[in-house]
Amino acid sequence: MTVLLVLASIVDVLLAALLIGVSGFIFGGGPEGSHGELSGVAMWGLGLFACIAAPILGFVLRSYGRPGIGALIAWLPPIGALLLTFGVFDPAY
């Protein structure tokens, strides 16, 4: 389970880097900008926070003897991103 947790952490960091890198093209103001609508920027920031906090929580749960639940929580942001990408979940509705 530790290997899954480490892989999830790597994917979460890459997803967070992608969110930071393309934020300016979504909200305006160039790369790494967030000059858009407040609610959109807040949701974007919440997603970024989830990408950072999920692996931390996963490692904390691993230290408490719950590596399976920790790995599952660490994989939640990438799974959510895939669901949004493939249109399974559309937040516009």
C-alpha atoms as a PDB file:
ATOM      1  CA  MET A   1       0.000   0.000   0.000  1.00  0.00           C
ATOM      2  CA  THR A   2       2.910   2.333   0.565  1.00  0.00           C
ATOM      3  CA  VAL A   3       3.812   2.129  -3.122  1.00  0.00           C
ATOM      4  CA  LEU A   4       0.260   3.152  -4.079  1.00  0.00           C
ATOM      5  CA  LEU A   5       0.442   6.022  -1.614  1.00  0.00           C
ATOM      6  CA  VAL A   6       3.745   7.258  -3.038  1.00  0.00           C
ATOM      7  CA  LEU A   7       2.420   6.990  -6.604  1.00  0.00           C
ATOM      8  CA  ALA A   8      -0.721   8.877  -5.600  1.00  0.00           C
ATOM      9  CA  SER A   9       1.435  11.591  -4.043  1.00  0.00           C
ATOM     10  CA  ILE A  10       3.421  11.972  -7.263  1.00  0.00           C
ATOM     11  CA  VAL A  11       0.233  12.168  -9.329  1.00  0.00           C
ATOM     12  CA  ASP A  12      -1.259  14.698  -6.898  1.00  0.00           C
ATOM     13  CA  VAL A  13       1.825  16.928  -7.108  1.00  0.00           C
ATOM     14  CA  LEU A  14       1.757  16.774 -10.911  1.00  0.00           C
ATOM     15  CA  LEU A  15      -1.966  17.584 -10.918  1.00  0.00           C
ATOM     16  CA  ALA A  16      -1.365  20.540  -8.591  1.00  0.00           C
ATOM     17  CA  ALA A  17       1.407  21.781 -10.894  1.00  0.00           C
ATOM     18  CA  LEU A  18      -0.960  21.504 -13.847  1.00  0.00           C
ATOM     19  CA  LEU A  19      -3.646  23.453 -11.991  1.00  0.00           C
ATOM     20  CA  ILE A  20      -1.176  26.212 -11.153  1.00  0.00           C
ATOM     21  CA  GLY A  21       0.280  26.273 -14.649  1.00  0.00           C
ATOM     22  CA  VAL A  22      -2.986  26.630 -16.548  1.00  0.00           C
ATOM     23  CA  SER A  23      -4.859  28.839 -14.085  1.00  0.00           C
ATOM     24  CA  GLY A  24      -3.859  32.041 -15.861  1.00  0.00           C
ATOM     25  CA  PHE A  25      -5.112  30.763 -19.184  1.00  0.00           C
ATOM     26  CA  ILE A  26      -8.480  29.905 -17.595  1.00  0.00           C
ATOM     27  CA  PHE A  27      -8.922  33.035 -15.463  1.00  0.00           C
ATOM     28  CA  GLY A  28      -6.838  35.558 -17.402  1.00  0.00           C
ATOM     29  CA  GLY A  29      -3.770  37.509 -16.538  1.00  0.00           C
ATOM     30  CA  GLY A  30      -1.212  35.144 -18.055  1.00  0.00           C
ATOM     31  CA  PRO A  31       0.350  32.037 -16.560  1.00  0.00           C
ATOM     32  CA  GLU A  32      -0.291  31.447 -12.866  1.00  0.00           C
ATOM     33  CA  GLY A  33      -2.892  34.195 -12.709  1.00  0.00           C
ATOM     34  CA  SER A  34      -6.228  34.163 -10.944  1.00  0.00           C
ATOM     35  CA  HIS A  35      -8.060  37.311 -11.944  1.00  0.00           C
ATOM     36  CA  GLY A  36     -11.379  35.651 -12.734  1.00  0.00           C
ATOM     37  CA  GLU A  37     -14.727  35.351 -11.045  1.00  0.00           C
ATOM     38  CA  LEU A  38     -14.372  34.868  -7.305  1.00  0.00           C
ATOM     39  CA  SER A  39     -16.390  31.651  -7.053  1.00  0.00           C
ATOM     40  CA  GLY A  40     -14.470  30.043  -9.929  1.00  0.00           C
ATOM     41  CA  VAL A  41     -11.126  30.967  -8.438  1.00  0.00           C
ATOM     42  CA  ALA A  42     -12.281  29.695  -5.036  1.00  0.00           C
ATOM     43  CA  MET A  43     -13.270  26.309  -6.495  1.00  0.00           C
ATOM     44  CA  TRP A  44      -9.988  26.151  -8.401  1.00  0.00           C
ATOM     45  CA  GLY A  45      -8.142  26.894  -5.159  1.00  0.00           C
ATOM     46  CA  LEU A  46     -10.158  24.255  -3.335  1.00  0.00           C
ATOM     47  CA  GLY A  47      -9.130  21.720  -5.958  1.00  0.00           C
ATOM     48  CA  LEU A  48      -5.521  22.770  -5.563  1.00  0.00           C
ATOM     49  CA  PHE A  49      -5.822  22.454  -1.786  1.00  0.00           C
ATOM     50  CA  ALA A  50      -7.298  18.959  -2.199  1.00  0.00           C
ATOM     51  CA  CYS A  51      -4.340  17.942  -4.372  1.00  0.00           C
ATOM     52  CA  ILE A  52      -1.939  19.050  -1.658  1.00  0.00           C
ATOM     53  CA  ALA A  53      -3.868  17.893   1.416  1.00  0.00           C
ATOM     54  CA  ALA A  54      -4.913  14.423   0.179  1.00  0.00           C
ATOM     55  CA  PRO A  55      -1.416  12.867   0.143  1.00  0.00           C
ATOM     56  CA  ILE A  56      -0.579  14.477   3.459  1.00  0.00           C
ATOM     57  CA  LEU A  57      -3.700  12.955   4.977  1.00  0.00           C
ATOM     58  CA  GLY A  58      -2.816   9.652   3.314  1.00  0.00           C
ATOM     59  CA  PHE A  59       0.593   9.570   4.972  1.00  0.00           C
ATOM     60  CA  VAL A  60      -0.917  10.567   8.320  1.00  0.00           C
ATOM     61  CA  LEU A  61      -3.396   7.684   8.076  1.00  0.00           C
ATOM     62  CA  ARG A  62      -0.549   5.335   7.117  1.00  0.00           C
ATOM     63  CA  SER A  63       1.295   6.343  10.273  1.00  0.00           C
ATOM     64  CA  TYR A  64      -1.833   5.495  12.284  1.00  0.00           C
ATOM     65  CA  GLY A  65      -1.934   2.017  10.753  1.00  0.00           C
ATOM     66  CA  ARG A  66      -4.581   2.631   8.044  1.00  0.00           C
ATOM     67  CA  PRO A  67      -2.565   2.509   4.794  1.00  0.00           C
ATOM     68  CA  GLY A  68      -5.466   1.313   2.637  1.00  0.00           C
ATOM     69  CA  ILE A  69      -7.756   4.202   3.548  1.00  0.00           C
ATOM     70  CA  GLY A  70      -4.808   6.607   3.255  1.00  0.00           C
ATOM     71  CA  ALA A  71      -4.018   5.427  -0.285  1.00  0.00           C
ATOM     72  CA  LEU A  72      -7.688   5.686  -1.238  1.00  0.00           C
ATOM     73  CA  ILE A  73      -7.908   9.263   0.029  1.00  0.00           C
ATOM     74  CA  ALA A  74      -4.686  10.184  -1.763  1.00  0.00           C
ATOM     75  CA  TRP A  75      -6.141   8.888  -5.065  1.00  0.00           C
ATOM     76  CA  LEU A  76      -9.389  10.896  -4.743  1.00  0.00           C
ATOM     77  CA  PRO A  77      -8.189  14.112  -6.520  1.00  0.00           C
ATOM     78  CA  PRO A  78      -6.854  12.277  -9.612  1.00  0.00           C
ATOM     79  CA  ILE A  79      -9.985  10.123  -9.806  1.00  0.00           C
ATOM     80  CA  GLY A  80     -12.153  13.227  -9.495  1.00  0.00           C
ATOM     81  CA  ALA A  81     -10.124  14.932 -12.234  1.00  0.00           C
ATOM     82  CA  LEU A  82     -10.632  11.944 -14.515  1.00  0.00           C
ATOM     83  CA  LEU A  83     -14.372  11.958 -13.867  1.00  0.00           C
ATOM     84  CA  LEU A  84     -14.529  15.668 -14.700  1.00  0.00           C
ATOM     85  CA  THR A  85     -12.385  15.205 -17.796  1.00  0.00           C
ATOM     86  CA  PHE A  86     -14.454  12.384 -19.250  1.00  0.00           C
ATOM     87  CA  GLY A  87     -17.728  14.173 -18.531  1.00  0.00           C
ATOM     88  CA  VAL A  88     -19.076  11.649 -16.039  1.00  0.00           C
ATOM     89  CA  PHE A  89     -19.673  14.463 -13.570  1.00  0.00           C
ATOM     90  CA  ASP A  90     -20.564  17.893 -14.903  1.00  0.00           C
ATOM     91  CA  PRO A  91     -20.579  20.633 -12.259  1.00  0.00           C
ATOM     92  CA  ALA A  92     -22.569  22.955 -14.546  1.00  0.00           C
ATOM     93  CA  TYR A  93     -25.798  21.114 -13.720  1.00  0.00           C
END
